[in-house]
Amino acid sequence: MVPAATWAIFPGEGISQSIQELEQRIVTEWLPAFGYEYANAPDVEVYISPDPQNARYEVWIPVVKKDV
C-alpha cells in the first residue's frame, strides 16, 4: 500500500542505470531549487517498460515544503 503523501513524480527512460542518475538529480537539483525536502515515507519506482536497454519508469518522491 502506498502511504498518503504529497508526491513529486519524475518520468524517465533509458538504460537501467539512468534511474540512479535521475534520483541523484532530484536530490541535488530539484528538491533544493523548488524548496522541498523528503517527507517521512519511502520513495516509489514504477517500471512502465522494464526493458534494460530502453526502460521507461517513474520515480515518486514524497515531499514536504521546506521550512524557511
C-alpha atoms as a PDB file:
ATOM      1  CA  MET A   1       0.000   0.000   0.000  1.00  0.00           C
ATOM      2  CA  VAL A   2       1.307   3.451  -0.916  1.00  0.00           C
ATOM      3  CA  PRO A   3       1.042   5.892   2.009  1.00  0.00           C
ATOM      4  CA  ALA A   4      -0.836   9.173   1.671  1.00  0.00           C
ATOM      5  CA  ALA A   5       1.666  11.923   0.853  1.00  0.00           C
ATOM      6  CA  THR A   6       2.393  14.786  -1.477  1.00  0.00           C
ATOM      7  CA  TRP A   7       4.316  13.199  -4.339  1.00  0.00           C
ATOM      8  CA  ALA A   8       6.699  14.730  -6.866  1.00  0.00           C
ATOM      9  CA  ILE A   9       6.630  12.379  -9.864  1.00  0.00           C
ATOM     10  CA  PHE A  10       9.503  12.282 -12.340  1.00  0.00           C
ATOM     11  CA  PRO A  11       9.311  10.317 -15.608  1.00  0.00           C
ATOM     12  CA  GLY A  12      12.452   8.782 -17.046  1.00  0.00           C
ATOM     13  CA  GLU A  13      13.686   6.454 -19.747  1.00  0.00           C
ATOM     14  CA  GLY A  14      16.878   4.837 -20.934  1.00  0.00           C
ATOM     15  CA  ILE A  15      19.262   2.160 -19.747  1.00  0.00           C
ATOM     16  CA  SER A  16      18.712   0.789 -16.269  1.00  0.00           C
ATOM     17  CA  GLN A  17      21.468   2.886 -14.649  1.00  0.00           C
ATOM     18  CA  SER A  18      19.727   6.096 -15.764  1.00  0.00           C
ATOM     19  CA  ILE A  19      17.254   5.757 -12.881  1.00  0.00           C
ATOM     20  CA  GLN A  20      20.104   6.301 -10.402  1.00  0.00           C
ATOM     21  CA  GLU A  21      21.182   9.391 -12.342  1.00  0.00           C
ATOM     22  CA  LEU A  22      17.612  10.741 -12.243  1.00  0.00           C
ATOM     23  CA  GLU A  23      17.357  10.131  -8.497  1.00  0.00           C
ATOM     24  CA  GLN A  24      20.664  11.944  -7.925  1.00  0.00           C
ATOM     25  CA  ARG A  25      19.445  14.948  -9.943  1.00  0.00           C
ATOM     26  CA  ILE A  26      16.177  15.027  -7.988  1.00  0.00           C
ATOM     27  CA  VAL A  27      18.048  15.202  -4.671  1.00  0.00           C
ATOM     28  CA  THR A  28      20.834  17.583  -5.726  1.00  0.00           C
ATOM     29  CA  GLU A  29      18.915  19.845  -8.142  1.00  0.00           C
ATOM     30  CA  TRP A  30      15.108  19.675  -7.996  1.00  0.00           C
ATOM     31  CA  LEU A  31      14.472  19.463  -4.246  1.00  0.00           C
ATOM     32  CA  PRO A  32      16.731  22.447  -3.364  1.00  0.00           C
ATOM     33  CA  ALA A  33      15.611  24.541  -6.362  1.00  0.00           C
ATOM     34  CA  PHE A  34      11.911  24.249  -5.526  1.00  0.00           C
ATOM     35  CA  GLY A  35      12.160  24.409  -1.735  1.00  0.00           C
ATOM     36  CA  TYR A  36      11.131  20.839  -0.931  1.00  0.00           C
ATOM     37  CA  GLU A  37      12.645  18.063   1.116  1.00  0.00           C
ATOM     38  CA  TYR A  38      11.985  14.348   1.502  1.00  0.00           C
ATOM     39  CA  ALA A  39       8.914  13.520   3.572  1.00  0.00           C
ATOM     40  CA  ASN A  40       8.959  10.682   6.071  1.00  0.00           C
ATOM     41  CA  ALA A  41       7.871   7.974   3.620  1.00  0.00           C
ATOM     42  CA  PRO A  42       9.582   5.632   1.156  1.00  0.00           C
ATOM     43  CA  ASP A  43      10.113   6.669  -2.449  1.00  0.00           C
ATOM     44  CA  VAL A  44       8.483   4.579  -5.186  1.00  0.00           C
ATOM     45  CA  GLU A  45       9.856   3.382  -8.536  1.00  0.00           C
ATOM     46  CA  VAL A  46       7.235   2.453 -11.139  1.00  0.00           C
ATOM     47  CA  TYR A  47       8.521   0.452 -14.120  1.00  0.00           C
ATOM     48  CA  ILE A  48       6.285   1.044 -17.141  1.00  0.00           C
ATOM     49  CA  SER A  49       8.576  -0.816 -19.544  1.00  0.00           C
ATOM     50  CA  PRO A  50      11.297  -2.823 -17.776  1.00  0.00           C
ATOM     51  CA  ASP A  51      13.453  -3.441 -20.893  1.00  0.00           C
ATOM     52  CA  PRO A  52      17.027  -2.996 -19.513  1.00  0.00           C
ATOM     53  CA  GLN A  53      18.207  -1.311 -22.728  1.00  0.00           C
ATOM     54  CA  ASN A  54      15.279   1.121 -23.038  1.00  0.00           C
ATOM     55  CA  ALA A  55      13.386   1.193 -19.753  1.00  0.00           C
ATOM     56  CA  ARG A  56      10.533   3.609 -19.061  1.00  0.00           C
ATOM     57  CA  TYR A  57       9.795   4.401 -15.445  1.00  0.00           C
ATOM     58  CA  GLU A  58       8.574   6.964 -12.923  1.00  0.00           C
ATOM     59  CA  VAL A  59      10.239   7.930  -9.663  1.00  0.00           C
ATOM     60  CA  TRP A  60       7.772   9.076  -6.992  1.00  0.00           C
ATOM     61  CA  ILE A  61       9.336  11.133  -4.207  1.00  0.00           C
ATOM     62  CA  PRO A  62       7.316  12.000  -1.077  1.00  0.00           C
ATOM     63  CA  VAL A  63       7.877  15.700  -0.392  1.00  0.00           C
ATOM     64  CA  VAL A  64       7.082  18.447   2.093  1.00  0.00           C
ATOM     65  CA  LYS A  65       7.691  22.165   1.685  1.00  0.00           C
ATOM     66  CA  LYS A  66      10.942  23.099   3.398  1.00  0.00           C
ATOM     67  CA  ASP A  67      10.680  25.446   6.378  1.00  0.00           C
ATOM     68  CA  VAL A  68      12.356  28.764   5.657  1.00  0.00           C
END
